[in-house]
PDB file of N, CA and C in Angstrom:
ATOM      1  N   MET A   1     -34.283  24.819   1.551  1.00  0.00           N
ATOM      2  CA  MET A   1     -33.624  23.305   1.783  1.00  0.00           C
ATOM      3  C   MET A   1     -34.000  22.535   2.933  1.00  0.00           C
ATOM      4  N   ALA A   2     -34.076  21.486   2.876  1.00  0.00           N
ATOM      5  CA  ALA A   2     -34.326  20.269   3.878  1.00  0.00           C
ATOM      6  C   ALA A   2     -33.799  20.098   4.760  1.00  0.00           C
ATOM      7  N   HIS A   3     -34.417  20.115   5.872  1.00  0.00           N
ATOM      8  CA  HIS A   3     -33.611  19.707   7.256  1.00  0.00           C
ATOM      9  C   HIS A   3     -32.679  18.489   7.143  1.00  0.00           C
ATOM     10  N   LYS A   4     -31.205  18.448   7.410  1.00  0.00           N
ATOM     11  CA  LYS A   4     -30.366  17.465   7.251  1.00  0.00           C
ATOM     12  C   LYS A   4     -30.665  16.575   8.875  1.00  0.00           C
ATOM     13  N   ALA A   5     -30.730  15.487   8.711  1.00  0.00           N
ATOM     14  CA  ALA A   5     -30.780  15.063  10.167  1.00  0.00           C
ATOM     15  C   ALA A   5     -29.520  14.714  10.763  1.00  0.00           C
ATOM     16  N   SER A   6     -29.326  15.044  11.888  1.00  0.00           N
ATOM     17  CA  SER A   6     -27.890  14.929  12.612  1.00  0.00           C
ATOM     18  C   SER A   6     -27.277  13.693  12.434  1.00  0.00           C
ATOM     19  N   SER A   7     -28.010  12.424  12.360  1.00  0.00           N
ATOM     20  CA  SER A   7     -27.295  11.267  12.347  1.00  0.00           C
ATOM     21  C   SER A   7     -26.808  10.996  10.992  1.00  0.00           C
ATOM     22  N   ALA A   8     -27.225  11.812   9.629  1.00  0.00           N
ATOM     23  CA  ALA A   8     -26.834  11.733   8.509  1.00  0.00           C
ATOM     24  C   ALA A   8     -25.319  12.673   8.356  1.00  0.00           C
ATOM     25  N   GLU A   9     -25.288  13.863   9.038  1.00  0.00           N
ATOM     26  CA  GLU A   9     -24.286  14.956   9.156  1.00  0.00           C
ATOM     27  C   GLU A   9     -23.076  14.032   9.962  1.00  0.00           C
ATOM     28  N   LYS A  10     -23.318  12.924  10.733  1.00  0.00           N
ATOM     29  CA  LYS A  10     -22.388  12.494  11.438  1.00  0.00           C
ATOM     30  C   LYS A  10     -21.933  11.251  10.720  1.00  0.00           C
ATOM     31  N   ARG A  11     -22.705  10.589  10.017  1.00  0.00           N
ATOM     32  CA  ARG A  11     -22.127   9.696   8.996  1.00  0.00           C
ATOM     33  C   ARG A  11     -21.353   9.937   7.914  1.00  0.00           C
ATOM     34  N   HIS A  12     -21.591  11.459   7.499  1.00  0.00           N
ATOM     35  CA  HIS A  12     -20.906  11.775   6.312  1.00  0.00           C
ATOM     36  C   HIS A  12     -19.781  12.336   6.808  1.00  0.00           C
ATOM     37  N   ARG A  13     -19.559  12.843   8.407  1.00  0.00           N
ATOM     38  CA  ARG A  13     -18.274  13.038   8.791  1.00  0.00           C
ATOM     39  C   ARG A  13     -17.583  12.235   8.971  1.00  0.00           C
ATOM     40  N   GLN A  14     -17.657  10.929   9.210  1.00  0.00           N
ATOM     41  CA  GLN A  14     -17.132   9.414   9.814  1.00  0.00           C
ATOM     42  C   GLN A  14     -16.587   8.726   8.367  1.00  0.00           C
ATOM     43  N   SER A  15     -17.623   8.916   7.418  1.00  0.00           N
ATOM     44  CA  SER A  15     -17.090   7.977   6.094  1.00  0.00           C
ATOM     45  C   SER A  15     -15.926   9.269   5.146  1.00  0.00           C
ATOM     46  N   GLU A  16     -15.932  10.648   5.573  1.00  0.00           N
ATOM     47  CA  GLU A  16     -14.834  11.751   5.076  1.00  0.00           C
ATOM     48  C   GLU A  16     -13.743  10.894   5.861  1.00  0.00           C
ATOM     49  N   GLU A  17     -13.473  10.964   7.224  1.00  0.00           N
ATOM     50  CA  GLU A  17     -12.430  10.827   7.749  1.00  0.00           C
ATOM     51  C   GLU A  17     -12.059   9.162   7.091  1.00  0.00           C
ATOM     52  N   ARG A  18     -12.768   8.300   7.077  1.00  0.00           N
ATOM     53  CA  ARG A  18     -12.332   7.522   6.884  1.00  0.00           C
ATOM     54  C   ARG A  18     -11.642   7.245   5.301  1.00  0.00           C
ATOM     55  N   ARG A  19     -12.187   7.944   4.489  1.00  0.00           N
ATOM     56  CA  ARG A  19     -11.821   7.843   2.806  1.00  0.00           C
ATOM     57  C   ARG A  19     -10.291   8.827   3.233  1.00  0.00           C
ATOM     58  N   ARG A  20     -10.311   9.570   3.780  1.00  0.00           N
ATOM     59  CA  ARG A  20      -9.123  10.353   4.025  1.00  0.00           C
ATOM     60  C   ARG A  20      -8.123   9.091   4.448  1.00  0.00           C
ATOM     61  N   ARG A  21      -8.181   8.767   5.426  1.00  0.00           N
ATOM     62  CA  ARG A  21      -7.399   7.901   6.162  1.00  0.00           C
ATOM     63  C   ARG A  21      -6.675   6.904   5.316  1.00  0.00           C
ATOM     64  N   ASN A  22      -8.209   6.279   4.480  1.00  0.00           N
ATOM     65  CA  ASN A  22      -7.627   5.166   3.236  1.00  0.00           C
ATOM     66  C   ASN A  22      -6.827   5.740   2.482  1.00  0.00           C
ATOM     67  N   LYS A  23      -7.300   6.855   1.810  1.00  0.00           N
ATOM     68  CA  LYS A  23      -6.303   7.404   0.831  1.00  0.00           C
ATOM     69  C   LYS A  23      -5.114   7.481   1.318  1.00  0.00           C
ATOM     70  N   ALA A  24      -4.580   7.957   2.431  1.00  0.00           N
ATOM     71  CA  ALA A  24      -3.328   8.156   2.924  1.00  0.00           C
ATOM     72  C   ALA A  24      -2.490   6.438   2.999  1.00  0.00           C
ATOM     73  N   VAL A  25      -3.064   5.805   3.104  1.00  0.00           N
ATOM     74  CA  VAL A  25      -2.814   4.371   3.344  1.00  0.00           C
ATOM     75  C   VAL A  25      -2.364   4.093   2.166  1.00  0.00           C
ATOM     76  N   LYS A  26      -3.170   3.941   1.101  1.00  0.00           N
ATOM     77  CA  LYS A  26      -3.150   3.694  -0.369  1.00  0.00           C
ATOM     78  C   LYS A  26      -2.030   4.250  -0.878  1.00  0.00           C
ATOM     79  N   SER A  27      -1.698   5.933  -0.639  1.00  0.00           N
ATOM     80  CA  SER A  27      -0.699   6.660  -0.924  1.00  0.00           C
ATOM     81  C   SER A  27       0.607   6.179  -0.691  1.00  0.00           C
ATOM     82  N   SER A  28       0.642   5.455   0.665  1.00  0.00           N
ATOM     83  CA  SER A  28       2.138   5.077   1.144  1.00  0.00           C
ATOM     84  C   SER A  28       2.298   3.827   0.703  1.00  0.00           C
ATOM     85  N   VAL A  29       1.055   2.919   0.596  1.00  0.00           N
ATOM     86  CA  VAL A  29       1.679   1.667  -0.040  1.00  0.00           C
ATOM     87  C   VAL A  29       2.304   1.806  -1.728  1.00  0.00           C
ATOM     88  N   ARG A  30       1.708   2.851  -2.490  1.00  0.00           N
ATOM     89  CA  ARG A  30       2.117   3.134  -3.728  1.00  0.00           C
ATOM     90  C   ARG A  30       3.391   3.917  -3.741  1.00  0.00           C
ATOM     91  N   THR A  31       3.980   4.456  -2.681  1.00  0.00           N
ATOM     92  CA  THR A  31       5.357   5.012  -2.666  1.00  0.00           C
ATOM     93  C   THR A  31       6.043   4.011  -2.448  1.00  0.00           C
ATOM     94  N   SER A  32       6.030   3.495  -1.469  1.00  0.00           N
ATOM     95  CA  SER A  32       6.847   2.436  -1.152  1.00  0.00           C
ATOM     96  C   SER A  32       7.066   1.441  -2.199  1.00  0.00           C
ATOM     97  N   ALA A  33       6.244   0.951  -3.067  1.00  0.00           N
ATOM     98  CA  ALA A  33       6.081   0.339  -4.306  1.00  0.00           C
ATOM     99  C   ALA A  33       7.152   0.889  -5.400  1.00  0.00           C
ATOM    100  N   LYS A  34       6.671   1.945  -5.636  1.00  0.00           N
ATOM    101  CA  LYS A  34       7.552   3.137  -6.294  1.00  0.00           C
ATOM    102  C   LYS A  34       9.198   2.923  -5.967  1.00  0.00           C
ATOM    103  N   LYS A  35       9.230   3.149  -4.887  1.00  0.00           N
ATOM    104  CA  LYS A  35      10.903   3.341  -4.170  1.00  0.00           C
ATOM    105  C   LYS A  35      11.300   1.579  -4.193  1.00  0.00           C
ATOM    106  N   PHE A  36      11.185   0.526  -4.165  1.00  0.00           N
ATOM    107  CA  PHE A  36      11.442  -0.454  -4.046  1.00  0.00           C
ATOM    108  C   PHE A  36      11.613  -0.853  -5.736  1.00  0.00           C
ATOM    109  N   VAL A  37      11.196  -0.636  -6.331  1.00  0.00           N
ATOM    110  CA  VAL A  37      11.193  -0.710  -8.317  1.00  0.00           C
ATOM    111  C   VAL A  37      12.233  -0.013  -8.372  1.00  0.00           C
ATOM    112  N   LEU A  38      12.433   1.403  -8.020  1.00  0.00           N
ATOM    113  CA  LEU A  38      13.373   2.021  -8.775  1.00  0.00           C
ATOM    114  C   LEU A  38      14.781   1.485  -8.034  1.00  0.00           C
ATOM    115  N   LEU A  39      14.649   1.148  -6.531  1.00  0.00           N
ATOM    116  CA  LEU A  39      15.965   0.749  -6.204  1.00  0.00           C
ATOM    117  C   LEU A  39      16.366  -0.379  -6.920  1.00  0.00           C
ATOM    118  N   ALA A  40      15.549  -1.410  -7.046  1.00  0.00           N
ATOM    119  CA  ALA A  40      15.344  -2.786  -7.948  1.00  0.00           C
ATOM    120  C   ALA A  40      16.120  -2.423  -9.618  1.00  0.00           C
ATOM    121  N   HIS A  41      15.556  -1.366 -10.272  1.00  0.00           N
ATOM    122  CA  HIS A  41      16.049  -1.329 -11.536  1.00  0.00           C
ATOM    123  C   HIS A  41      17.530  -0.655 -11.516  1.00  0.00           C
ATOM    124  N   LYS A  42      18.228   0.051 -10.499  1.00  0.00           N
ATOM    125  CA  LYS A  42      19.255   0.379 -10.038  1.00  0.00           C
ATOM    126  C   LYS A  42      20.125  -0.492  -9.911  1.00  0.00           C
ATOM    127  N   LYS A  43      19.434  -1.570  -9.567  1.00  0.00           N
ATOM    128  CA  LYS A  43      20.393  -2.837  -8.962  1.00  0.00           C
ATOM    129  C   LYS A  43      21.017  -2.521  -7.693  1.00  0.00           C
ATOM    130  N   GLU A  44      20.634  -1.964  -6.599  1.00  0.00           N
ATOM    131  CA  GLU A  44      20.696  -1.985  -5.561  1.00  0.00           C
ATOM    132  C   GLU A  44      20.177  -2.781  -4.674  1.00  0.00           C
ATOM    133  N   ALA A  45      20.861  -3.937  -4.338  1.00  0.00           N
ATOM    134  CA  ALA A  45      20.228  -5.105  -3.639  1.00  0.00           C
ATOM    135  C   ALA A  45      19.997  -4.776  -2.471  1.00  0.00           C
ATOM    136  N   PRO A  46      20.812  -4.669  -1.639  1.00  0.00           N
ATOM    137  CA  PRO A  46      20.564  -4.464  -0.078  1.00  0.00           C
ATOM    138  C   PRO A  46      19.457  -3.299   0.159  1.00  0.00           C
ATOM    139  N   GLU A  47      19.545  -2.195  -0.544  1.00  0.00           N
ATOM    140  CA  GLU A  47      18.561  -1.157  -0.248  1.00  0.00           C
ATOM    141  C   GLU A  47      17.332  -1.669  -0.551  1.00  0.00           C
ATOM    142  N   ALA A  48      16.659  -2.363  -1.960  1.00  0.00           N
ATOM    143  CA  ALA A  48      15.800  -2.926  -2.459  1.00  0.00           C
ATOM    144  C   ALA A  48      15.236  -3.938  -1.309  1.00  0.00           C
ATOM    145  N   GLU A  49      16.109  -4.874  -0.809  1.00  0.00           N
ATOM    146  CA  GLU A  49      15.648  -5.495   0.245  1.00  0.00           C
ATOM    147  C   GLU A  49      15.013  -4.901   1.355  1.00  0.00           C
ATOM    148  N   THR A  50      15.623  -3.896   1.910  1.00  0.00           N
ATOM    149  CA  THR A  50      15.006  -3.368   2.848  1.00  0.00           C
ATOM    150  C   THR A  50      13.429  -2.560   2.403  1.00  0.00           C
ATOM    151  N   ALA A  51      13.568  -1.708   1.276  1.00  0.00           N
ATOM    152  CA  ALA A  51      12.506  -1.524   0.610  1.00  0.00           C
ATOM    153  C   ALA A  51      11.410  -2.242   0.160  1.00  0.00           C
ATOM    154  N   LEU A  52      11.749  -3.410  -0.117  1.00  0.00           N
ATOM    155  CA  LEU A  52      10.868  -4.723  -0.192  1.00  0.00           C
ATOM    156  C   LEU A  52      10.086  -4.948   1.067  1.00  0.00           C
ATOM    157  N   LYS A  53      10.836  -5.014   2.374  1.00  0.00           N
ATOM    158  CA  LYS A  53      10.232  -5.648   3.433  1.00  0.00           C
ATOM    159  C   LYS A  53       9.455  -4.494   3.798  1.00  0.00           C
ATOM    160  N   GLU A  54       9.510  -3.059   3.795  1.00  0.00           N
ATOM    161  CA  GLU A  54       8.613  -2.045   4.331  1.00  0.00           C
ATOM    162  C   GLU A  54       7.201  -2.349   3.685  1.00  0.00           C
ATOM    163  N   MET A  55       7.911  -2.414   2.058  1.00  0.00           N
ATOM    164  CA  MET A  55       6.294  -2.429   1.252  1.00  0.00           C
ATOM    165  C   MET A  55       5.538  -3.403   1.644  1.00  0.00           C
ATOM    166  N   ILE A  56       6.207  -4.694   2.112  1.00  0.00           N
ATOM    167  CA  ILE A  56       5.284  -5.951   2.242  1.00  0.00           C
ATOM    168  C   ILE A  56       4.629  -5.704   3.660  1.00  0.00           C
ATOM    169  N   GLN A  57       5.160  -4.937   4.470  1.00  0.00           N
ATOM    170  CA  GLN A  57       4.331  -4.468   5.701  1.00  0.00           C
ATOM    171  C   GLN A  57       3.394  -4.061   5.639  1.00  0.00           C
ATOM    172  N   LYS A  58       3.503  -2.735   4.826  1.00  0.00           N
ATOM    173  CA  LYS A  58       2.403  -1.680   4.540  1.00  0.00           C
ATOM    174  C   LYS A  58       1.171  -2.449   3.854  1.00  0.00           C
ATOM    175  N   LEU A  59       1.753  -3.197   2.953  1.00  0.00           N
ATOM    176  CA  LEU A  59       0.868  -4.054   2.149  1.00  0.00           C
ATOM    177  C   LEU A  59      -0.202  -4.972   3.195  1.00  0.00           C
ATOM    178  N   ASP A  60       0.429  -5.429   4.023  1.00  0.00           N
ATOM    179  CA  ASP A  60      -0.263  -6.330   4.699  1.00  0.00           C
ATOM    180  C   ASP A  60      -1.252  -5.579   6.052  1.00  0.00           C
ATOM    181  N   SER A  61      -0.515  -4.865   6.280  1.00  0.00           N
ATOM    182  CA  SER A  61      -1.406  -3.519   7.120  1.00  0.00           C
ATOM    183  C   SER A  61      -2.632  -3.126   6.179  1.00  0.00           C
ATOM    184  N   ALA A  62      -2.388  -2.878   5.116  1.00  0.00           N
ATOM    185  CA  ALA A  62      -3.808  -2.438   4.660  1.00  0.00           C
ATOM    186  C   ALA A  62      -4.348  -3.272   4.387  1.00  0.00           C
ATOM    187  N   ALA A  63      -4.121  -4.797   3.591  1.00  0.00           N
ATOM    188  CA  ALA A  63      -4.935  -5.669   3.778  1.00  0.00           C
ATOM    189  C   ALA A  63      -5.788  -6.037   5.081  1.00  0.00           C
ATOM    190  N   ARG A  64      -4.786  -6.234   6.116  1.00  0.00           N
ATOM    191  CA  ARG A  64      -5.768  -6.336   7.298  1.00  0.00           C
ATOM    192  C   ARG A  64      -6.778  -5.232   7.623  1.00  0.00           C
ATOM    193  N   LYS A  65      -6.306  -4.089   7.517  1.00  0.00           N
ATOM    194  CA  LYS A  65      -7.439  -3.103   7.648  1.00  0.00           C
ATOM    195  C   LYS A  65      -8.464  -3.432   6.798  1.00  0.00           C
ATOM    196  N   GLY A  66      -8.633  -3.880   5.589  1.00  0.00           N
ATOM    197  CA  GLY A  66      -9.537  -3.715   4.551  1.00  0.00           C
ATOM    198  C   GLY A  66      -9.413  -2.590   3.450  1.00  0.00           C
ATOM    199  N   ILE A  67      -8.428  -2.259   3.843  1.00  0.00           N
ATOM    200  CA  ILE A  67      -8.284  -0.890   2.634  1.00  0.00           C
ATOM    201  C   ILE A  67      -7.861  -1.460   1.167  1.00  0.00           C
ATOM    202  N   ILE A  68      -7.078  -2.549   1.084  1.00  0.00           N
ATOM    203  CA  ILE A  68      -7.072  -3.250  -0.211  1.00  0.00           C
ATOM    204  C   ILE A  68      -7.519  -4.730  -0.017  1.00  0.00           C
ATOM    205  N   LYS A  69      -7.878  -5.307  -0.847  1.00  0.00           N
ATOM    206  CA  LYS A  69      -8.489  -6.900  -0.536  1.00  0.00           C
ATOM    207  C   LYS A  69      -6.746  -7.543  -0.530  1.00  0.00           C
ATOM    208  N   LYS A  70      -7.380  -8.742   0.383  1.00  0.00           N
ATOM    209  CA  LYS A  70      -6.223  -9.418   0.523  1.00  0.00           C
ATOM    210  C   LYS A  70      -5.765 -10.401  -0.566  1.00  0.00           C
ATOM    211  N   ASN A  71      -6.082 -10.661  -1.583  1.00  0.00           N
ATOM    212  CA  ASN A  71      -5.284 -11.218  -2.988  1.00  0.00           C
ATOM    213  C   ASN A  71      -4.765 -10.318  -3.631  1.00  0.00           C
ATOM    214  N   ALA A  72      -5.289  -9.075  -3.519  1.00  0.00           N
ATOM    215  CA  ALA A  72      -4.469  -8.025  -4.285  1.00  0.00           C
ATOM    216  C   ALA A  72      -3.224  -7.430  -3.755  1.00  0.00           C
ATOM    217  N   ALA A  73      -3.378  -7.714  -2.117  1.00  0.00           N
ATOM    218  CA  ALA A  73      -2.084  -7.670  -1.658  1.00  0.00           C
ATOM    219  C   ALA A  73      -0.837  -8.857  -1.624  1.00  0.00           C
ATOM    220  N   ALA A  74      -1.543  -9.817  -1.953  1.00  0.00           N
ATOM    221  CA  ALA A  74      -0.839 -11.058  -2.039  1.00  0.00           C
ATOM    222  C   ALA A  74      -0.194 -11.064  -3.521  1.00  0.00           C
ATOM    223  N   ARG A  75      -0.899 -10.382  -4.597  1.00  0.00           N
ATOM    224  CA  ARG A  75      -0.187 -10.689  -5.758  1.00  0.00           C
ATOM    225  C   ARG A  75       0.792  -9.242  -6.192  1.00  0.00           C
ATOM    226  N   LYS A  76       0.455  -8.309  -5.365  1.00  0.00           N
ATOM    227  CA  LYS A  76       1.660  -7.455  -5.746  1.00  0.00           C
ATOM    228  C   LYS A  76       3.002  -7.804  -4.772  1.00  0.00           C
ATOM    229  N   LYS A  77       2.521  -8.624  -3.786  1.00  0.00           N
ATOM    230  CA  LYS A  77       3.820  -8.855  -2.996  1.00  0.00           C
ATOM    231  C   LYS A  77       4.570  -9.940  -3.689  1.00  0.00           C
ATOM    232  N   SER A  78       3.665 -10.849  -4.571  1.00  0.00           N
ATOM    233  CA  SER A  78       4.588 -11.704  -5.134  1.00  0.00           C
ATOM    234  C   SER A  78       5.435 -11.382  -6.713  1.00  0.00           C
ATOM    235  N   ARG A  79       4.437 -10.396  -6.980  1.00  0.00           N
ATOM    236  CA  ARG A  79       5.429  -9.967  -8.044  1.00  0.00           C
ATOM    237  C   ARG A  79       6.507  -8.887  -8.188  1.00  0.00           C
ATOM    238  N   MET A  80       6.391  -8.195  -6.493  1.00  0.00           N
ATOM    239  CA  MET A  80       7.756  -7.516  -6.320  1.00  0.00           C
ATOM    240  C   MET A  80       8.753  -8.643  -5.569  1.00  0.00           C
ATOM    241  N   GLN A  81       8.375  -9.702  -5.141  1.00  0.00           N
ATOM    242  CA  GLN A  81       9.262 -10.544  -4.890  1.00  0.00           C
ATOM    243  C   GLN A  81      10.253 -11.175  -5.976  1.00  0.00           C
ATOM    244  N   ARG A  82       9.286 -11.477  -6.857  1.00  0.00           N
ATOM    245  CA  ARG A  82       9.993 -12.182  -8.318  1.00  0.00           C
ATOM    246  C   ARG A  82      11.002 -10.958  -8.854  1.00  0.00           C
ATOM    247  N   LEU A  83      10.397  -9.805  -8.856  1.00  0.00           N
ATOM    248  CA  LEU A  83      11.330  -8.945  -9.373  1.00  0.00           C
ATOM    249  C   LEU A  83      12.753  -9.110  -8.513  1.00  0.00           C
ATOM    250  N   PHE A  84      12.526  -8.967  -7.353  1.00  0.00           N
ATOM    251  CA  PHE A  84      13.704  -8.929  -6.235  1.00  0.00           C
ATOM    252  C   PHE A  84      14.735 -10.118  -6.565  1.00  0.00           C
ATOM    253  N   ASN A  85      14.216 -11.522  -6.692  1.00  0.00           N
ATOM    254  CA  ASN A  85      14.486 -12.553  -6.571  1.00  0.00           C
ATOM    255  C   ASN A  85      15.429 -12.673  -7.984  1.00  0.00           C
ATOM    256  N   THR A  86      14.685 -11.880  -9.302  1.00  0.00           N
ATOM    257  CA  THR A  86      15.677 -11.803 -10.290  1.00  0.00           C
ATOM    258  C   THR A  86      16.962 -10.910 -10.301  1.00  0.00           C
ATOM    259  N   LEU A  87      16.673  -9.789  -9.445  1.00  0.00           N
ATOM    260  CA  LEU A  87      17.964  -8.896  -9.060  1.00  0.00           C
ATOM    261  C   LEU A  87      18.896  -9.757  -8.398  1.00  0.00           C
ATOM    262  N   LYS A  88      18.367 -11.043  -7.437  1.00  0.00           N
ATOM    263  CA  LYS A  88      19.411 -11.428  -6.568  1.00  0.00           C
ATOM    264  C   LYS A  88      20.158 -12.694  -7.707  1.00  0.00           C
ATOM    265  N   ALA A  89      19.353 -13.017  -8.464  1.00  0.00           N
ATOM    266  CA  ALA A  89      20.056 -13.888  -9.436  1.00  0.00           C
ATOM    267  C   ALA A  89      20.959 -13.503  -9.972  1.00  0.00           C
ATOM    268  N   ALA A  90      20.863 -12.067 -10.850  1.00  0.00           N
ATOM    269  CA  ALA A  90      21.803 -11.536 -11.639  1.00  0.00           C
ATOM    270  C   ALA A  90      22.745 -10.979 -11.150  1.00  0.00           C
ATOM    271  N   GLN A  91      23.131 -11.363  -9.853  1.00  0.00           N
ATOM    272  CA  GLN A  91      24.350 -10.460  -9.096  1.00  0.00           C
ATOM    273  C   GLN A  91      25.191 -11.823  -9.075  1.00  0.00           C
TER     274      GLN A  91
END
């Protein structure tokens, strides 16, 4: 087998580390979004509002780090905010 350059090995280690970190952040965003949607469908407005704020913070953080695109974060925030507004209007 061919000899692998140490710079290539280091680059591989770095990319693996970043992949794991990015995956954790994306998973966290998805989990918080599911939590918010579940609370919104249960019509629990106060808990849903705190979950929405948490989700928005995670989306902004992921967008700032470049893990998800800025417009994708804005789109998701808009949709969740619209869901929350319909929940508030129904009460």
